[in-house]
Amino acid sequence: MSRTTTALFVGLVLGVTAAFGTFGSFVIVLLFGLVGLLVGMVLDGRIDVASTLGRATEKR
């Protein structure tokens, strides 16, 4: 699936949630979408978790 198709799908889901749900449900769907984006970026190799956590736990 291309990035354009994925973005279209996410936009449609958020639009349906905004149309038929409350603002709270919209925010929950948006947060889960962000978590999914982060997981996808980790799986694609765009975010290196080991180096990110290594910097946070590194002693100065």
PDB file of N, CA and C in Angstrom:
ATOM      1  N   MET A   1       0.843  -1.168   0.000  1.00  0.00           N
ATOM      2  CA  MET A   1       0.000   0.000   0.000  1.00  0.00           C
ATOM      3  C   MET A   1       0.895   1.240   0.000  1.00  0.00           C
ATOM      4  N   SER A   2       0.569   2.192  -0.825  1.00  0.00           N
ATOM      5  CA  SER A   2       1.386   3.397  -0.902  1.00  0.00           C
ATOM      6  C   SER A   2       1.082   4.323   0.270  1.00  0.00           C
ATOM      7  N   ARG A   3       1.952   5.276   0.459  1.00  0.00           N
ATOM      8  CA  ARG A   3       1.766   6.239   1.556  1.00  0.00           C
ATOM      9  C   ARG A   3       0.518   7.079   1.342  1.00  0.00           C
ATOM     10  N   THR A   4       0.225   7.386   0.083  1.00  0.00           N
ATOM     11  CA  THR A   4      -0.969   8.175  -0.210  1.00  0.00           C
ATOM     12  C   THR A   4      -2.228   7.411   0.164  1.00  0.00           C
ATOM     13  N   THR A   5      -2.264   6.128  -0.140  1.00  0.00           N
ATOM     14  CA  THR A   5      -3.416   5.303   0.203  1.00  0.00           C
ATOM     15  C   THR A   5      -3.559   5.173   1.708  1.00  0.00           C
ATOM     16  N   THR A   6      -2.451   5.009   2.397  1.00  0.00           N
ATOM     17  CA  THR A   6      -2.483   4.901   3.852  1.00  0.00           C
ATOM     18  C   THR A   6      -2.969   6.205   4.473  1.00  0.00           C
ATOM     19  N   ALA A   7      -2.480   7.331   3.976  1.00  0.00           N
ATOM     20  CA  ALA A   7      -2.909   8.625   4.501  1.00  0.00           C
ATOM     21  C   ALA A   7      -4.390   8.864   4.226  1.00  0.00           C
ATOM     22  N   LEU A   8      -4.861   8.450   3.059  1.00  0.00           N
ATOM     23  CA  LEU A   8      -6.274   8.575   2.736  1.00  0.00           C
ATOM     24  C   LEU A   8      -7.122   7.742   3.691  1.00  0.00           C
ATOM     25  N   PHE A   9      -6.702   6.516   3.966  1.00  0.00           N
ATOM     26  CA  PHE A   9      -7.425   5.641   4.879  1.00  0.00           C
ATOM     27  C   PHE A   9      -7.482   6.234   6.288  1.00  0.00           C
ATOM     28  N   VAL A  10      -6.369   6.748   6.771  1.00  0.00           N
ATOM     29  CA  VAL A  10      -6.334   7.357   8.102  1.00  0.00           C
ATOM     30  C   VAL A  10      -7.239   8.581   8.145  1.00  0.00           C
ATOM     31  N   GLY A  11      -7.211   9.391   7.100  1.00  0.00           N
ATOM     32  CA  GLY A  11      -8.081  10.557   7.043  1.00  0.00           C
ATOM     33  C   GLY A  11      -9.552  10.189   7.040  1.00  0.00           C
ATOM     34  N   LEU A  12      -9.904   9.130   6.312  1.00  0.00           N
ATOM     35  CA  LEU A  12     -11.294   8.680   6.294  1.00  0.00           C
ATOM     36  C   LEU A  12     -11.743   8.171   7.657  1.00  0.00           C
ATOM     37  N   VAL A  13     -10.900   7.425   8.334  1.00  0.00           N
ATOM     38  CA  VAL A  13     -11.246   6.916   9.668  1.00  0.00           C
ATOM     39  C   VAL A  13     -11.432   8.075  10.638  1.00  0.00           C
ATOM     40  N   LEU A  14     -10.529   9.047  10.605  1.00  0.00           N
ATOM     41  CA  LEU A  14     -10.660  10.212  11.484  1.00  0.00           C
ATOM     42  C   LEU A  14     -11.905  11.026  11.141  1.00  0.00           C
ATOM     43  N   GLY A  15     -12.223  11.131   9.855  1.00  0.00           N
ATOM     44  CA  GLY A  15     -13.418  11.859   9.446  1.00  0.00           C
ATOM     45  C   GLY A  15     -14.696  11.183   9.922  1.00  0.00           C
ATOM     46  N   VAL A  16     -14.766   9.878   9.805  1.00  0.00           N
ATOM     47  CA  VAL A  16     -15.942   9.140  10.280  1.00  0.00           C
ATOM     48  C   VAL A  16     -16.071   9.268  11.786  1.00  0.00           C
ATOM     49  N   THR A  17     -14.946   9.195  12.482  1.00  0.00           N
ATOM     50  CA  THR A  17     -14.975   9.346  13.931  1.00  0.00           C
ATOM     51  C   THR A  17     -15.443  10.742  14.324  1.00  0.00           C
ATOM     52  N   ALA A  18     -14.982  11.754  13.616  1.00  0.00           N
ATOM     53  CA  ALA A  18     -15.401  13.125  13.920  1.00  0.00           C
ATOM     54  C   ALA A  18     -16.878  13.336  13.605  1.00  0.00           C
ATOM     55  N   ALA A  19     -17.375  12.675  12.552  1.00  0.00           N
ATOM     56  CA  ALA A  19     -18.760  12.875  12.138  1.00  0.00           C
ATOM     57  C   ALA A  19     -19.747  12.168  13.068  1.00  0.00           C
ATOM     58  N   PHE A  20     -19.419  10.984  13.513  1.00  0.00           N
ATOM     59  CA  PHE A  20     -20.369  10.175  14.267  1.00  0.00           C
ATOM     60  C   PHE A  20     -20.023  10.005  15.743  1.00  0.00           C
ATOM     61  N   GLY A  21     -18.895  10.514  16.156  1.00  0.00           N
ATOM     62  CA  GLY A  21     -18.483  10.357  17.545  1.00  0.00           C
ATOM     63  C   GLY A  21     -18.359  11.690  18.245  1.00  0.00           C
ATOM     64  N   THR A  22     -17.911  11.611  19.461  1.00  0.00           N
ATOM     65  CA  THR A  22     -17.678  12.824  20.241  1.00  0.00           C
ATOM     66  C   THR A  22     -16.243  13.291  20.029  1.00  0.00           C
ATOM     67  N   PHE A  23     -15.934  14.448  20.574  1.00  0.00           N
ATOM     68  CA  PHE A  23     -14.569  14.961  20.471  1.00  0.00           C
ATOM     69  C   PHE A  23     -13.586  14.028  21.185  1.00  0.00           C
ATOM     70  N   GLY A  24     -14.024  13.445  22.302  1.00  0.00           N
ATOM     71  CA  GLY A  24     -13.163  12.524  23.046  1.00  0.00           C
ATOM     72  C   GLY A  24     -12.798  11.295  22.231  1.00  0.00           C
ATOM     73  N   SER A  25     -13.765  10.743  21.518  1.00  0.00           N
ATOM     74  CA  SER A  25     -13.469   9.571  20.691  1.00  0.00           C
ATOM     75  C   SER A  25     -12.553   9.946  19.523  1.00  0.00           C
ATOM     76  N   PHE A  26     -12.718  11.156  18.994  1.00  0.00           N
ATOM     77  CA  PHE A  26     -11.827  11.630  17.934  1.00  0.00           C
ATOM     78  C   PHE A  26     -10.389  11.703  18.435  1.00  0.00           C
ATOM     79  N   VAL A  27     -10.196  12.228  19.636  1.00  0.00           N
ATOM     80  CA  VAL A  27      -8.845  12.351  20.197  1.00  0.00           C
ATOM     81  C   VAL A  27      -8.246  10.975  20.454  1.00  0.00           C
ATOM     82  N   ILE A  28      -9.058  10.036  20.937  1.00  0.00           N
ATOM     83  CA  ILE A  28      -8.564   8.675  21.179  1.00  0.00           C
ATOM     84  C   ILE A  28      -8.117   8.024  19.880  1.00  0.00           C
ATOM     85  N   VAL A  29      -8.917   8.157  18.825  1.00  0.00           N
ATOM     86  CA  VAL A  29      -8.537   7.592  17.525  1.00  0.00           C
ATOM     87  C   VAL A  29      -7.273   8.262  17.010  1.00  0.00           C
ATOM     88  N   LEU A  30      -7.155   9.559  17.194  1.00  0.00           N
ATOM     89  CA  LEU A  30      -5.966  10.278  16.762  1.00  0.00           C
ATOM     90  C   LEU A  30      -4.723   9.798  17.511  1.00  0.00           C
ATOM     91  N   LEU A  31      -4.830   9.584  18.821  1.00  0.00           N
ATOM     92  CA  LEU A  31      -3.695   9.092  19.608  1.00  0.00           C
ATOM     93  C   LEU A  31      -3.281   7.685  19.184  1.00  0.00           C
ATOM     94  N   PHE A  32      -4.268   6.812  18.949  1.00  0.00           N
ATOM     95  CA  PHE A  32      -3.942   5.465  18.480  1.00  0.00           C
ATOM     96  C   PHE A  32      -3.300   5.511  17.094  1.00  0.00           C
ATOM     97  N   GLY A  33      -3.723   6.458  16.268  1.00  0.00           N
ATOM     98  CA  GLY A  33      -3.090   6.631  14.970  1.00  0.00           C
ATOM     99  C   GLY A  33      -1.636   7.044  15.096  1.00  0.00           C
ATOM    100  N   LEU A  34      -1.343   7.924  16.045  1.00  0.00           N
ATOM    101  CA  LEU A  34       0.045   8.336  16.280  1.00  0.00           C
ATOM    102  C   LEU A  34       0.896   7.184  16.793  1.00  0.00           C
ATOM    103  N   VAL A  35       0.326   6.367  17.667  1.00  0.00           N
ATOM    104  CA  VAL A  35       1.056   5.191  18.161  1.00  0.00           C
ATOM    105  C   VAL A  35       1.338   4.235  16.999  1.00  0.00           C
ATOM    106  N   GLY A  36       0.343   4.033  16.142  1.00  0.00           N
ATOM    107  CA  GLY A  36       0.543   3.176  14.971  1.00  0.00           C
ATOM    108  C   GLY A  36       1.601   3.724  14.041  1.00  0.00           C
ATOM    109  N   LEU A  37       1.621   5.047  13.873  1.00  0.00           N
ATOM    110  CA  LEU A  37       2.646   5.674  13.047  1.00  0.00           C
ATOM    111  C   LEU A  37       4.038   5.429  13.620  1.00  0.00           C
ATOM    112  N   LEU A  38       4.192   5.588  14.920  1.00  0.00           N
ATOM    113  CA  LEU A  38       5.494   5.359  15.553  1.00  0.00           C
ATOM    114  C   LEU A  38       5.936   3.908  15.416  1.00  0.00           C
ATOM    115  N   VAL A  39       5.012   2.976  15.619  1.00  0.00           N
ATOM    116  CA  VAL A  39       5.353   1.555  15.474  1.00  0.00           C
ATOM    117  C   VAL A  39       5.756   1.260  14.032  1.00  0.00           C
ATOM    118  N   GLY A  40       5.023   1.813  13.080  1.00  0.00           N
ATOM    119  CA  GLY A  40       5.368   1.615  11.675  1.00  0.00           C
ATOM    120  C   GLY A  40       6.730   2.181  11.325  1.00  0.00           C
ATOM    121  N   MET A  41       7.058   3.343  11.883  1.00  0.00           N
ATOM    122  CA  MET A  41       8.367   3.935  11.623  1.00  0.00           C
ATOM    123  C   MET A  41       9.489   3.108  12.232  1.00  0.00           C
ATOM    124  N   VAL A  42       9.244   2.514  13.396  1.00  0.00           N
ATOM    125  CA  VAL A  42      10.245   1.644  14.012  1.00  0.00           C
ATOM    126  C   VAL A  42      10.439   0.403  13.146  1.00  0.00           C
ATOM    127  N   LEU A  43       9.340  -0.186  12.676  1.00  0.00           N
ATOM    128  CA  LEU A  43       9.436  -1.394  11.854  1.00  0.00           C
ATOM    129  C   LEU A  43      10.074  -1.117  10.499  1.00  0.00           C
ATOM    130  N   ASP A  44       9.897   0.092   9.953  1.00  0.00           N
ATOM    131  CA  ASP A  44      10.531   0.471   8.692  1.00  0.00           C
ATOM    132  C   ASP A  44      12.001   0.832   8.866  1.00  0.00           C
ATOM    133  N   GLY A  45      12.432   1.033  10.096  1.00  0.00           N
ATOM    134  CA  GLY A  45      13.820   1.380  10.355  1.00  0.00           C
ATOM    135  C   GLY A  45      14.081   2.872  10.342  1.00  0.00           C
ATOM    136  N   ARG A  46      13.042   3.689  10.339  1.00  0.00           N
ATOM    137  CA  ARG A  46      13.229   5.142  10.347  1.00  0.00           C
ATOM    138  C   ARG A  46      13.567   5.666  11.730  1.00  0.00           C
ATOM    139  N   ILE A  47      13.169   4.934  12.769  1.00  0.00           N
ATOM    140  CA  ILE A  47      13.488   5.314  14.140  1.00  0.00           C
ATOM    141  C   ILE A  47      14.287   4.170  14.746  1.00  0.00           C
ATOM    142  N   ASP A  48      15.468   4.489  15.268  1.00  0.00           N
ATOM    143  CA  ASP A  48      16.305   3.484  15.907  1.00  0.00           C
ATOM    144  C   ASP A  48      16.056   3.540  17.413  1.00  0.00           C
ATOM    145  N   VAL A  49      15.326   2.532  17.913  1.00  0.00           N
ATOM    146  CA  VAL A  49      14.921   2.526  19.310  1.00  0.00           C
ATOM    147  C   VAL A  49      16.125   2.367  20.234  1.00  0.00           C
ATOM    148  N   ALA A  50      17.067   1.535  19.856  1.00  0.00           N
ATOM    149  CA  ALA A  50      18.230   1.294  20.713  1.00  0.00           C
ATOM    150  C   ALA A  50      19.033   2.572  20.936  1.00  0.00           C
ATOM    151  N   SER A  51      19.259   3.322  19.878  1.00  0.00           N
ATOM    152  CA  SER A  51      20.042   4.549  20.054  1.00  0.00           C
ATOM    153  C   SER A  51      19.231   5.620  20.785  1.00  0.00           C
ATOM    154  N   THR A  52      17.926   5.643  20.555  1.00  0.00           N
ATOM    155  CA  THR A  52      17.081   6.622  21.244  1.00  0.00           C
ATOM    156  C   THR A  52      17.053   6.343  22.735  1.00  0.00           C
ATOM    157  N   LEU A  53      16.884   5.083  23.118  1.00  0.00           N
ATOM    158  CA  LEU A  53      16.868   4.723  24.540  1.00  0.00           C
ATOM    159  C   LEU A  53      18.263   4.796  25.135  1.00  0.00           C
ATOM    160  N   GLY A  54      19.284   4.539  24.339  1.00  0.00           N
ATOM    161  CA  GLY A  54      20.661   4.609  24.825  1.00  0.00           C
ATOM    162  C   GLY A  54      21.039   6.015  25.234  1.00  0.00           C
ATOM    163  N   ARG A  55      20.581   6.985  24.483  1.00  0.00           N
ATOM    164  CA  ARG A  55      20.869   8.390  24.831  1.00  0.00           C
ATOM    165  C   ARG A  55      20.155   8.796  26.091  1.00  0.00           C
ATOM    166  N   ALA A  56      18.961   8.265  26.312  1.00  0.00           N
ATOM    167  CA  ALA A  56      18.187   8.648  27.493  1.00  0.00           C
ATOM    168  C   ALA A  56      18.763   8.011  28.758  1.00  0.00           C
ATOM    169  N   THR A  57      19.358   6.835  28.642  1.00  0.00           N
ATOM    170  CA  THR A  57      19.874   6.137  29.819  1.00  0.00           C
ATOM    171  C   THR A  57      21.379   6.352  30.005  1.00  0.00           C
ATOM    172  N   GLU A  58      22.002   7.044  29.087  1.00  0.00           N
ATOM    173  CA  GLU A  58      23.437   7.284  29.173  1.00  0.00           C
ATOM    174  C   GLU A  58      23.757   8.221  30.338  1.00  0.00           C
ATOM    175  N   LYS A  59      24.779   7.850  31.143  1.00  0.00           N
ATOM    176  CA  LYS A  59      25.186   8.693  32.269  1.00  0.00           C
ATOM    177  C   LYS A  59      26.095   9.807  31.781  1.00  0.00           C
ATOM    178  N   ARG A  60      25.964  10.959  32.406  1.00  0.00           N
ATOM    179  CA  ARG A  60      26.807  12.106  32.015  1.00  0.00           C
ATOM    180  C   ARG A  60      27.957  12.256  32.956  1.00  0.00           C
TER     181      ARG A  60
END
